[in-house]
Amino acid sequence: NISQEDFDKLPRIQRLKGNRWRQEHGLNRM
């Protein structure tokens, strides 16, 4: 699982990939 703070630290490209990752894992919160 990934925390919101760790997610915010990711590069913008990784955040875009992470958005898909979160959808696949049912973590659909911004």
Protein backbone atom coordinates (compact mmCIF):
# COMPACT_ATOMS: atom_id res chain seq x y z
CA ASN A 1 0.00 0.00 0.00
CA ILE A 2 1.18 3.55 -0.69
CA SER A 3 0.59 6.52 1.59
CA GLN A 4 -0.61 9.91 0.37
CA GLU A 5 2.65 11.56 1.44
CA ASP A 6 4.77 9.03 -0.46
CA PHE A 7 2.51 9.45 -3.48
CA ASP A 8 2.98 13.23 -3.40
CA LYS A 9 6.78 12.73 -3.35
CA LEU A 10 6.76 10.76 -6.59
CA PRO A 11 7.77 12.43 -9.86
CA ARG A 12 4.87 13.62 -11.98
CA ILE A 13 5.22 10.74 -14.47
CA GLN A 14 5.26 8.20 -11.67
CA ARG A 15 2.18 9.88 -10.22
CA LEU A 16 0.37 9.37 -13.52
CA LYS A 17 1.32 5.69 -13.49
CA GLY A 18 0.41 5.56 -9.80
CA ASN A 19 -3.07 6.82 -10.63
CA ARG A 20 -3.64 3.69 -12.71
CA TRP A 21 -2.02 1.59 -9.97
CA ARG A 22 -4.39 3.03 -7.39
CA GLN A 23 -7.39 2.35 -9.62
CA GLU A 24 -6.33 -1.29 -9.98
CA HIS A 25 -6.04 -1.55 -6.20
CA GLY A 26 -9.26 0.30 -5.48
CA LEU A 27 -7.56 3.32 -3.93
CA ASN A 28 -9.47 6.01 -5.79
CA ARG A 29 -8.84 9.04 -3.61
CA MET A 30 -6.88 12.09 -4.60
